[in-house]
N, C-alpha and C. Protein backbone atom coordinates (compact mmCIF):
# COMPACT_ATOMS: atom_id res chain seq x y z
N UNK A 1 49.86 -41.94 32.04
CA UNK A 1 50.17 -41.02 33.11
C UNK A 1 50.71 -41.78 34.34
N UNK A 2 50.11 -42.95 34.64
CA UNK A 2 50.57 -43.74 35.77
C UNK A 2 52.01 -44.18 35.58
N UNK A 3 52.37 -44.54 34.36
CA UNK A 3 53.73 -45.00 34.08
C UNK A 3 54.75 -43.89 34.32
N UNK A 4 54.40 -42.69 33.97
CA UNK A 4 55.31 -41.56 34.17
C UNK A 4 55.51 -41.31 35.67
N UNK A 5 54.43 -41.37 36.43
CA UNK A 5 54.52 -41.16 37.88
C UNK A 5 55.36 -42.25 38.52
N UNK A 6 55.14 -43.49 38.12
CA UNK A 6 55.92 -44.60 38.66
C UNK A 6 57.39 -44.45 38.30
N UNK A 7 57.68 -44.04 37.08
CA UNK A 7 59.05 -43.85 36.65
C UNK A 7 59.73 -42.72 37.44
N UNK A 8 59.04 -41.63 37.67
CA UNK A 8 59.58 -40.51 38.44
C UNK A 8 59.85 -40.95 39.88
N UNK A 9 58.93 -41.70 40.46
CA UNK A 9 59.12 -42.19 41.83
C UNK A 9 60.34 -43.12 41.90
N UNK A 10 60.49 -43.99 40.92
CA UNK A 10 61.64 -44.90 40.89
C UNK A 10 62.95 -44.12 40.77
N UNK A 11 62.98 -43.13 39.91
CA UNK A 11 64.19 -42.30 39.75
C UNK A 11 64.51 -41.57 41.04
N UNK A 12 63.50 -41.03 41.70
CA UNK A 12 63.72 -40.34 42.97
C UNK A 12 64.24 -41.29 44.04
N UNK A 13 63.73 -42.51 44.07
CA UNK A 13 64.21 -43.50 45.03
C UNK A 13 65.67 -43.86 44.78
N UNK A 14 66.03 -44.02 43.53
CA UNK A 14 67.40 -44.36 43.17
C UNK A 14 68.35 -43.22 43.55
N UNK A 15 67.97 -42.00 43.22
CA UNK A 15 68.83 -40.84 43.52
C UNK A 15 68.95 -40.66 45.03
N UNK A 16 67.83 -40.74 45.75
CA UNK A 16 67.89 -40.56 47.21
C UNK A 16 68.67 -41.69 47.87
N UNK A 17 68.57 -42.89 47.34
CA UNK A 17 69.37 -44.00 47.86
C UNK A 17 70.85 -43.77 47.65
N UNK A 18 71.21 -43.24 46.48
CA UNK A 18 72.61 -42.92 46.21
C UNK A 18 73.14 -41.82 47.12
N UNK A 19 72.34 -40.81 47.35
CA UNK A 19 72.75 -39.72 48.25
C UNK A 19 72.88 -40.25 49.67
N UNK A 20 71.97 -41.10 50.10
CA UNK A 20 72.05 -41.70 51.43
C UNK A 20 73.30 -42.56 51.58
N UNK A 21 73.63 -43.29 50.53
CA UNK A 21 74.84 -44.11 50.54
C UNK A 21 76.08 -43.25 50.73
N UNK A 22 76.16 -42.17 49.98
CA UNK A 22 77.32 -41.27 50.06
C UNK A 22 77.42 -40.66 51.45
N UNK A 23 76.29 -40.22 51.99
CA UNK A 23 76.29 -39.63 53.33
C UNK A 23 76.75 -40.64 54.38
N UNK A 24 76.29 -41.88 54.26
CA UNK A 24 76.70 -42.92 55.21
C UNK A 24 78.19 -43.18 55.10
N UNK A 25 78.71 -43.29 53.87
CA UNK A 25 80.14 -43.52 53.67
C UNK A 25 80.96 -42.38 54.29
N UNK A 26 80.52 -41.15 54.04
CA UNK A 26 81.24 -39.99 54.59
C UNK A 26 81.22 -40.00 56.12
N UNK A 27 80.04 -40.21 56.68
CA UNK A 27 79.87 -40.17 58.13
C UNK A 27 80.69 -41.26 58.80
N UNK A 28 80.60 -42.47 58.30
CA UNK A 28 81.32 -43.57 58.93
C UNK A 28 82.83 -43.44 58.74
N UNK A 29 83.27 -42.88 57.62
CA UNK A 29 84.71 -42.68 57.43
C UNK A 29 85.24 -41.60 58.37
N UNK A 30 84.43 -40.60 58.68
CA UNK A 30 84.85 -39.57 59.64
C UNK A 30 85.01 -40.19 61.03
N UNK A 31 84.07 -41.04 61.43
CA UNK A 31 84.18 -41.70 62.73
C UNK A 31 85.43 -42.58 62.79
N UNK A 32 85.67 -43.35 61.73
CA UNK A 32 86.86 -44.21 61.71
C UNK A 32 88.14 -43.38 61.70
N UNK A 33 88.14 -42.28 60.98
CA UNK A 33 89.32 -41.41 60.94
C UNK A 33 89.62 -40.82 62.31
N UNK A 34 88.58 -40.44 63.04
CA UNK A 34 88.81 -39.89 64.38
C UNK A 34 89.35 -40.96 65.33
N UNK A 35 88.89 -42.19 65.17
CA UNK A 35 89.45 -43.29 65.96
C UNK A 35 90.92 -43.51 65.63
N UNK A 36 91.24 -43.44 64.35
CA UNK A 36 92.62 -43.62 63.90
C UNK A 36 93.50 -42.47 64.41
N UNK A 37 92.95 -41.27 64.46
CA UNK A 37 93.70 -40.13 65.02
C UNK A 37 94.05 -40.38 66.48
N UNK A 38 93.10 -40.92 67.22
CA UNK A 38 93.32 -41.23 68.63
C UNK A 38 94.44 -42.26 68.78
N UNK A 39 94.41 -43.27 67.91
CA UNK A 39 95.46 -44.30 67.93
C UNK A 39 96.81 -43.67 67.61
N UNK A 40 96.83 -42.80 66.63
CA UNK A 40 98.09 -42.15 66.25
C UNK A 40 98.66 -41.34 67.41
N UNK A 41 97.81 -40.60 68.10
CA UNK A 41 98.28 -39.83 69.25
C UNK A 41 98.87 -40.73 70.33
N UNK A 42 98.23 -41.86 70.58
CA UNK A 42 98.74 -42.79 71.57
C UNK A 42 100.10 -43.36 71.15
N UNK A 43 100.24 -43.68 69.87
CA UNK A 43 101.51 -44.23 69.37
C UNK A 43 102.60 -43.17 69.45
N UNK A 44 102.30 -41.96 69.04
CA UNK A 44 103.29 -40.89 69.07
C UNK A 44 103.75 -40.59 70.49
N UNK A 45 102.89 -40.84 71.48
CA UNK A 45 103.25 -40.66 72.89
C UNK A 45 103.79 -41.94 73.51
N UNK A 46 104.07 -42.94 72.68
CA UNK A 46 104.61 -44.23 73.11
C UNK A 46 103.72 -44.92 74.15
N UNK A 47 102.42 -44.70 74.06
CA UNK A 47 101.47 -45.36 74.94
C UNK A 47 100.83 -46.51 74.16
N UNK A 48 101.56 -47.60 74.04
CA UNK A 48 101.12 -48.71 73.20
C UNK A 48 99.96 -49.48 73.82
N UNK A 49 99.86 -49.47 75.14
CA UNK A 49 98.73 -50.16 75.78
C UNK A 49 97.42 -49.46 75.43
N UNK A 50 97.41 -48.14 75.50
CA UNK A 50 96.21 -47.39 75.14
C UNK A 50 95.90 -47.55 73.65
N UNK A 51 96.96 -47.57 72.84
CA UNK A 51 96.78 -47.74 71.40
C UNK A 51 96.16 -49.11 71.09
N UNK A 52 96.62 -50.14 71.79
CA UNK A 52 96.05 -51.48 71.57
C UNK A 52 94.58 -51.54 71.94
N UNK A 53 94.23 -50.91 73.05
CA UNK A 53 92.82 -50.90 73.46
C UNK A 53 91.98 -50.16 72.43
N UNK A 54 92.47 -49.04 71.94
CA UNK A 54 91.72 -48.27 70.95
C UNK A 54 91.64 -49.01 69.62
N UNK A 55 92.69 -49.73 69.26
CA UNK A 55 92.66 -50.52 68.03
C UNK A 55 91.57 -51.58 68.12
N UNK A 56 91.47 -52.24 69.28
CA UNK A 56 90.42 -53.24 69.45
C UNK A 56 89.03 -52.62 69.28
N UNK A 57 88.84 -51.45 69.90
CA UNK A 57 87.55 -50.75 69.76
C UNK A 57 87.30 -50.33 68.32
N UNK A 58 88.34 -49.80 67.68
CA UNK A 58 88.21 -49.36 66.29
C UNK A 58 87.94 -50.53 65.37
N UNK A 59 88.63 -51.64 65.62
CA UNK A 59 88.44 -52.81 64.77
C UNK A 59 87.03 -53.37 64.90
N UNK A 60 86.49 -53.37 66.11
CA UNK A 60 85.10 -53.80 66.31
C UNK A 60 84.13 -52.86 65.60
N UNK A 61 84.40 -51.58 65.70
CA UNK A 61 83.57 -50.59 65.01
C UNK A 61 83.68 -50.77 63.50
N UNK A 62 84.90 -51.03 63.02
CA UNK A 62 85.11 -51.24 61.59
C UNK A 62 84.36 -52.48 61.10
N UNK A 63 84.35 -53.54 61.89
CA UNK A 63 83.64 -54.75 61.48
C UNK A 63 82.15 -54.49 61.31
N UNK A 64 81.58 -53.66 62.19
CA UNK A 64 80.17 -53.30 62.04
C UNK A 64 79.96 -52.47 60.78
N UNK A 65 80.83 -51.51 60.57
CA UNK A 65 80.74 -50.63 59.41
C UNK A 65 81.00 -51.40 58.12
N UNK A 66 81.95 -52.30 58.18
CA UNK A 66 82.36 -53.08 57.00
C UNK A 66 81.20 -53.85 56.40
N UNK A 67 80.35 -54.40 57.23
CA UNK A 67 79.23 -55.20 56.72
C UNK A 67 78.29 -54.35 55.87
N UNK A 68 78.16 -53.07 56.21
CA UNK A 68 77.31 -52.18 55.41
C UNK A 68 78.08 -51.69 54.17
N UNK A 69 79.36 -51.37 54.35
CA UNK A 69 80.16 -50.89 53.22
C UNK A 69 80.22 -51.93 52.11
N UNK A 70 80.28 -53.21 52.48
CA UNK A 70 80.36 -54.26 51.47
C UNK A 70 79.14 -54.30 50.56
N UNK A 71 78.03 -53.75 51.02
CA UNK A 71 76.83 -53.66 50.19
C UNK A 71 77.02 -52.60 49.11
N UNK A 72 77.66 -51.50 49.49
CA UNK A 72 77.75 -50.33 48.62
C UNK A 72 78.98 -50.31 47.71
N UNK A 73 80.10 -50.81 48.18
CA UNK A 73 81.35 -50.60 47.46
C UNK A 73 82.03 -51.91 47.11
N UNK A 74 83.07 -51.78 46.30
CA UNK A 74 83.87 -52.91 45.84
C UNK A 74 84.57 -53.57 47.02
N UNK A 75 84.55 -54.88 47.07
CA UNK A 75 85.15 -55.60 48.18
C UNK A 75 86.65 -55.42 48.27
N UNK A 76 87.32 -55.12 47.15
CA UNK A 76 88.76 -54.88 47.18
C UNK A 76 89.09 -53.67 48.05
N UNK A 77 88.27 -52.65 47.99
CA UNK A 77 88.50 -51.46 48.80
C UNK A 77 88.33 -51.78 50.28
N UNK A 78 87.34 -52.58 50.60
CA UNK A 78 87.11 -53.00 51.98
C UNK A 78 88.29 -53.85 52.46
N UNK A 79 88.76 -54.75 51.63
CA UNK A 79 89.88 -55.61 52.00
C UNK A 79 91.16 -54.81 52.23
N UNK A 80 91.37 -53.75 51.45
CA UNK A 80 92.55 -52.90 51.65
C UNK A 80 92.52 -52.26 53.04
N UNK A 81 91.36 -51.78 53.44
CA UNK A 81 91.23 -51.17 54.77
C UNK A 81 91.41 -52.25 55.84
N UNK A 82 90.83 -53.40 55.61
CA UNK A 82 90.95 -54.52 56.55
C UNK A 82 92.42 -54.91 56.75
N UNK A 83 93.15 -55.04 55.66
CA UNK A 83 94.56 -55.42 55.73
C UNK A 83 95.38 -54.37 56.48
N UNK A 84 95.10 -53.10 56.22
CA UNK A 84 95.81 -52.03 56.91
C UNK A 84 95.50 -52.05 58.41
N UNK A 85 94.26 -52.37 58.77
CA UNK A 85 93.89 -52.47 60.19
C UNK A 85 94.67 -53.61 60.87
N UNK A 86 94.76 -54.74 60.22
CA UNK A 86 95.49 -55.88 60.79
C UNK A 86 96.98 -55.53 60.90
N UNK A 87 97.50 -54.88 59.87
CA UNK A 87 98.89 -54.46 59.89
C UNK A 87 99.15 -53.50 61.05
N UNK A 88 98.24 -52.56 61.25
CA UNK A 88 98.37 -51.60 62.36
C UNK A 88 98.35 -52.32 63.70
N UNK A 89 97.44 -53.26 63.84
CA UNK A 89 97.32 -53.99 65.10
C UNK A 89 98.61 -54.75 65.42
N UNK A 90 99.18 -55.41 64.43
CA UNK A 90 100.42 -56.17 64.64
C UNK A 90 101.59 -55.24 64.96
N UNK A 91 101.68 -54.13 64.25
CA UNK A 91 102.79 -53.21 64.49
C UNK A 91 102.71 -52.56 65.87
N UNK A 92 101.52 -52.28 66.34
CA UNK A 92 101.37 -51.73 67.69
C UNK A 92 101.69 -52.81 68.72
N UNK A 93 101.26 -54.01 68.44
CA UNK A 93 101.51 -55.12 69.37
C UNK A 93 103.01 -55.32 69.58
N UNK A 94 103.80 -55.16 68.50
CA UNK A 94 105.25 -55.33 68.60
C UNK A 94 105.98 -53.99 68.76
N UNK A 95 105.21 -52.94 69.01
CA UNK A 95 105.73 -51.60 69.28
C UNK A 95 106.66 -51.09 68.18
N UNK A 96 106.24 -51.29 66.95
CA UNK A 96 106.97 -50.77 65.79
C UNK A 96 106.31 -49.45 65.38
N UNK A 97 106.85 -48.39 65.90
CA UNK A 97 106.23 -47.07 65.77
C UNK A 97 106.12 -46.62 64.31
N UNK A 98 107.23 -46.67 63.57
CA UNK A 98 107.23 -46.18 62.19
C UNK A 98 106.27 -46.97 61.30
N UNK A 99 106.29 -48.30 61.44
CA UNK A 99 105.42 -49.13 60.63
C UNK A 99 103.95 -48.91 60.99
N UNK A 100 103.68 -48.67 62.28
CA UNK A 100 102.31 -48.41 62.72
C UNK A 100 101.81 -47.10 62.13
N UNK A 101 102.66 -46.09 62.11
CA UNK A 101 102.25 -44.80 61.54
C UNK A 101 102.02 -44.91 60.03
N UNK A 102 102.80 -45.76 59.37
CA UNK A 102 102.58 -45.99 57.94
C UNK A 102 101.24 -46.69 57.72
N UNK A 103 100.91 -47.66 58.57
CA UNK A 103 99.63 -48.36 58.46
C UNK A 103 98.47 -47.40 58.70
N UNK A 104 98.65 -46.47 59.64
CA UNK A 104 97.61 -45.46 59.90
C UNK A 104 97.39 -44.62 58.65
N UNK A 105 98.47 -44.23 58.01
CA UNK A 105 98.34 -43.42 56.80
C UNK A 105 97.66 -44.20 55.67
N UNK A 106 97.93 -45.50 55.59
CA UNK A 106 97.25 -46.35 54.59
C UNK A 106 95.75 -46.37 54.86
N UNK A 107 95.37 -46.51 56.12
CA UNK A 107 93.95 -46.54 56.47
C UNK A 107 93.30 -45.23 56.08
N UNK A 108 93.93 -44.12 56.45
CA UNK A 108 93.38 -42.80 56.10
C UNK A 108 93.22 -42.64 54.60
N UNK A 109 94.25 -43.01 53.85
CA UNK A 109 94.22 -42.86 52.40
C UNK A 109 93.14 -43.74 51.78
N UNK A 110 93.02 -44.97 52.25
CA UNK A 110 91.98 -45.86 51.73
C UNK A 110 90.58 -45.33 52.03
N UNK A 111 90.37 -44.82 53.24
CA UNK A 111 89.07 -44.25 53.59
C UNK A 111 88.76 -43.05 52.69
N UNK A 112 89.73 -42.17 52.55
CA UNK A 112 89.54 -40.97 51.73
C UNK A 112 89.26 -41.32 50.28
N UNK A 113 90.05 -42.23 49.72
CA UNK A 113 89.86 -42.62 48.31
C UNK A 113 88.52 -43.30 48.08
N UNK A 114 88.11 -44.12 49.01
CA UNK A 114 86.84 -44.82 48.87
C UNK A 114 85.67 -43.85 48.86
N UNK A 115 85.68 -42.89 49.77
CA UNK A 115 84.60 -41.91 49.83
C UNK A 115 84.62 -41.02 48.58
N UNK A 116 85.80 -40.57 48.19
CA UNK A 116 85.90 -39.70 47.00
C UNK A 116 85.44 -40.42 45.74
N UNK A 117 85.76 -41.69 45.65
CA UNK A 117 85.40 -42.47 44.47
C UNK A 117 83.88 -42.61 44.32
N UNK A 118 83.16 -42.57 45.43
CA UNK A 118 81.71 -42.79 45.38
C UNK A 118 80.88 -41.53 45.47
N UNK A 119 81.55 -40.39 45.56
CA UNK A 119 80.79 -39.12 45.59
C UNK A 119 80.13 -38.89 44.25
N UNK A 120 79.03 -38.15 44.31
CA UNK A 120 78.27 -37.84 43.11
C UNK A 120 78.92 -36.66 42.41
N UNK A 121 79.70 -36.97 41.36
CA UNK A 121 80.38 -35.96 40.56
C UNK A 121 80.17 -36.29 39.10
N UNK A 122 80.33 -35.29 38.28
CA UNK A 122 80.19 -35.48 36.84
C UNK A 122 81.15 -36.56 36.34
N UNK A 123 82.39 -36.55 36.84
CA UNK A 123 83.38 -37.56 36.43
C UNK A 123 82.92 -38.97 36.75
N UNK A 124 82.27 -39.14 37.90
CA UNK A 124 81.82 -40.47 38.30
C UNK A 124 80.58 -40.92 37.53
N UNK A 125 79.80 -39.96 37.07
CA UNK A 125 78.58 -40.29 36.32
C UNK A 125 78.91 -40.69 34.90
N UNK A 126 79.80 -39.92 34.28
CA UNK A 126 80.16 -40.20 32.89
C UNK A 126 81.21 -41.27 32.86
């Protein structure tokens, strides 16, 4: 009887940990997406100084988030977001509007794909 109780507790811990992981990924990706939206608005209004300041803030926020994401997800996915962030920073620095907007879209797509890939779905379980 003790073994069954221990096994049930372990299963519940694993499932709740997985749900917590998904919630954290979703929540942090929403925060990063809103930061990226702010950067996009600044770029579209040709306010590159404001965009640079927001990129610095977003990049610092991403570095904090990245350390936790690396525990949960594949490092290649984290590196893709990292590369897009650096690309965005350089394009804003040199005021390349079109390339900066492309980098923003890469960041959004990588965030979306990463969260979708880790959601609890039948396809992901099987």
